[in-house]
Amino acid sequence: MKQWTNTVEINAPIETVWQLFDGSLENMQKIMPKVVGNQPVTITDEMVGSIYLQKYQEGKRVMEYEVETLEYSDSSDEKKMKVGFTLGNMFDITAGYHLVKIDESRTSFTYTTTNLPLKWFVKLFLLFGNDKVVVEFVQRVKKIAESAN
């Protein structure tokens, strides 16, 4: 299994950043433009265990998979969400979003993702993996949150 983590300071209040992860397709597409669908299947009161049917478009191909909320906490000073899904029966993937309020107008954002190959032959792909996608995602969240502020 490979894991990548990146942290950035965002010049926006924690609630402004957290709104990007509220599950609405409109907000999700601001930071994940290739997500073309995000339908709730099961929503739990505590959010953990909630399942969404998500559609992701790569070129002309649209992949569909269930995303489960594995961790969730929402306080005024710290917010966390971790989701997991299986991509193409090839990889088990998790994505974790952790926000910490620095002060009223600044937030620390940490993104952690893991990738576990489910087939022996896809392990080779991870040898060439790097954190470029993670860094780009964190910078996109920063840019969108700061422009909304």
Protein backbone atom coordinates (compact mmCIF):
# COMPACT_ATOMS: atom_id res chain seq x y z
CA MET A 1 0.00 0.00 0.00
CA LYS A 2 1.18 3.51 -0.84
CA GLN A 3 0.29 6.62 1.14
CA TRP A 4 0.70 10.27 0.25
CA THR A 5 0.10 13.30 2.51
CA ASN A 6 0.29 17.03 1.94
CA THR A 7 -0.57 19.99 4.18
CA VAL A 8 -1.18 23.62 3.26
CA GLU A 9 -2.26 26.75 5.10
CA ILE A 10 -5.37 28.30 3.55
CA ASN A 11 -6.25 31.98 4.01
CA ALA A 12 -9.94 31.30 4.60
CA PRO A 13 -12.11 30.43 7.62
CA ILE A 14 -12.47 26.74 8.44
CA GLU A 15 -16.21 26.77 7.55
CA THR A 16 -15.46 28.13 4.07
CA VAL A 17 -13.01 25.29 3.40
CA TRP A 18 -15.27 22.61 4.97
CA GLN A 19 -18.16 23.65 2.72
CA LEU A 20 -16.20 22.27 -0.26
CA PHE A 21 -16.57 18.78 1.28
CA ASP A 22 -20.31 18.97 2.08
CA GLY A 23 -21.27 16.28 -0.45
CA SER A 24 -23.08 18.55 -2.90
CA LEU A 25 -22.11 17.92 -6.51
CA GLU A 26 -21.72 21.66 -7.13
CA ASN A 27 -19.11 22.11 -4.37
CA MET A 28 -17.42 18.79 -5.11
CA GLN A 29 -16.89 19.71 -8.77
CA LYS A 30 -15.09 22.90 -7.73
CA ILE A 31 -12.27 20.81 -6.27
CA MET A 32 -12.81 17.51 -8.16
CA PRO A 33 -13.94 18.55 -11.66
CA LYS A 34 -13.91 14.99 -13.02
CA VAL A 35 -16.63 13.90 -10.57
CA VAL A 36 -19.85 14.06 -12.60
CA GLY A 37 -22.26 12.48 -10.12
CA ASN A 38 -22.59 12.06 -6.34
CA GLN A 39 -25.91 10.50 -5.32
CA PRO A 40 -26.63 9.56 -1.70
CA VAL A 41 -27.48 5.87 -1.30
CA THR A 42 -27.46 5.58 2.50
CA ILE A 43 -27.05 8.52 4.89
CA THR A 44 -26.51 7.88 8.59
CA ASP A 45 -27.11 10.41 11.37
CA GLU A 46 -23.46 10.34 12.44
CA MET A 47 -22.27 10.31 8.78
CA VAL A 48 -19.91 7.32 9.33
CA GLY A 49 -21.26 4.49 7.20
CA SER A 50 -22.97 6.82 4.72
CA ILE A 51 -22.64 5.67 1.11
CA TYR A 52 -22.72 7.74 -2.06
CA LEU A 53 -22.82 6.50 -5.64
CA GLN A 54 -20.14 8.57 -7.35
CA LYS A 55 -19.44 8.92 -11.07
CA TYR A 56 -16.00 9.91 -12.32
CA GLN A 57 -15.28 10.84 -15.94
CA GLU A 58 -11.90 10.21 -17.52
CA GLY A 59 -12.05 11.24 -21.18
CA LYS A 60 -15.20 9.66 -22.65
CA ARG A 61 -15.26 6.88 -20.07
CA VAL A 62 -17.43 7.23 -16.95
CA MET A 63 -16.69 4.98 -13.96
CA GLU A 64 -19.19 4.45 -11.18
CA TYR A 65 -18.36 3.34 -7.66
CA GLU A 66 -19.69 3.47 -4.10
CA VAL A 67 -17.91 5.82 -1.72
CA GLU A 68 -18.29 5.08 2.00
CA THR A 69 -17.66 7.58 4.79
CA LEU A 70 -15.20 5.87 7.14
CA GLU A 71 -14.51 8.72 9.59
CA TYR A 72 -16.31 11.97 10.28
CA SER A 73 -16.04 14.71 12.91
CA ASP A 74 -17.20 18.31 12.78
CA SER A 75 -16.32 20.70 15.59
CA SER A 76 -15.75 24.44 15.39
CA ASP A 77 -11.93 24.10 15.58
CA GLU A 78 -11.31 20.79 13.79
CA LYS A 79 -13.03 18.85 11.03
CA LYS A 80 -12.22 15.41 9.60
CA MET A 81 -13.62 13.17 6.94
CA LYS A 82 -12.22 9.98 5.49
CA VAL A 83 -13.84 8.12 2.62
CA GLY A 84 -13.02 4.83 0.93
CA PHE A 85 -13.88 3.15 -2.36
CA THR A 86 -12.75 0.43 -4.74
CA LEU A 87 -11.72 1.64 -8.18
CA GLY A 88 -12.25 -0.73 -11.09
CA ASN A 89 -11.74 -3.84 -8.92
CA MET A 90 -8.05 -2.91 -9.07
CA PHE A 91 -7.41 -0.55 -6.13
CA ASP A 92 -8.82 0.12 -2.67
CA ILE A 93 -8.47 3.86 -2.17
CA THR A 94 -8.99 6.09 0.86
CA ALA A 95 -9.00 9.88 0.97
CA GLY A 96 -8.75 11.81 4.22
CA TYR A 97 -9.47 15.49 4.71
CA HIS A 98 -8.36 17.12 7.98
CA LEU A 99 -8.98 20.80 8.73
CA VAL A 100 -7.69 22.65 11.79
CA LYS A 101 -8.66 26.23 12.60
CA ILE A 102 -5.51 28.35 12.97
CA ASP A 103 -7.48 31.54 13.65
CA GLU A 104 -10.66 33.18 12.35
CA SER A 105 -9.29 33.62 8.83
CA ARG A 106 -6.74 30.80 8.41
CA THR A 107 -7.10 27.02 8.22
CA SER A 108 -4.59 24.18 8.06
CA PHE A 109 -5.68 21.58 5.49
CA THR A 110 -4.13 18.11 5.33
CA TYR A 111 -5.02 15.63 2.61
CA THR A 112 -3.96 11.99 2.94
CA THR A 113 -4.68 9.30 0.40
CA THR A 114 -3.86 5.60 0.34
CA ASN A 115 -3.84 3.21 -2.56
CA LEU A 116 -3.90 -0.56 -2.06
CA PRO A 117 -3.58 -2.68 -5.22
CA LEU A 118 -5.99 -5.61 -5.29
CA LYS A 119 -4.25 -7.53 -8.09
CA TRP A 120 -0.59 -8.53 -8.13
CA PHE A 121 0.08 -7.02 -11.57
CA VAL A 122 -1.14 -3.52 -10.65
CA LYS A 123 1.44 -3.28 -7.86
CA LEU A 124 3.91 -2.34 -10.59
CA PHE A 125 1.94 0.86 -11.28
CA LEU A 126 2.52 2.03 -7.71
CA LEU A 127 6.28 1.87 -8.21
CA PHE A 128 5.92 4.90 -10.46
CA GLY A 129 3.46 6.75 -8.22
CA ASN A 130 4.36 10.09 -6.72
CA ASP A 131 2.66 12.85 -4.78
CA LYS A 132 2.03 15.14 -7.77
CA VAL A 133 -1.74 14.52 -7.78
CA VAL A 134 -1.96 15.07 -4.00
CA VAL A 135 -0.01 18.36 -4.17
CA GLU A 136 -2.18 19.56 -7.08
CA PHE A 137 -5.37 18.69 -5.18
CA VAL A 138 -4.29 20.53 -2.03
CA GLN A 139 -3.35 23.59 -4.09
CA ARG A 140 -6.72 23.47 -5.91
CA VAL A 141 -8.60 23.39 -2.58
CA LYS A 142 -6.50 26.35 -1.37
CA LYS A 143 -7.17 28.36 -4.52
CA ILE A 144 -10.94 27.70 -4.53
CA ALA A 145 -11.37 28.35 -0.78
CA GLU A 146 -9.35 31.58 -0.90
CA SER A 147 -11.26 32.85 -3.93
CA ALA A 148 -14.58 32.17 -2.16
CA ASN A 149 -13.44 34.12 0.87
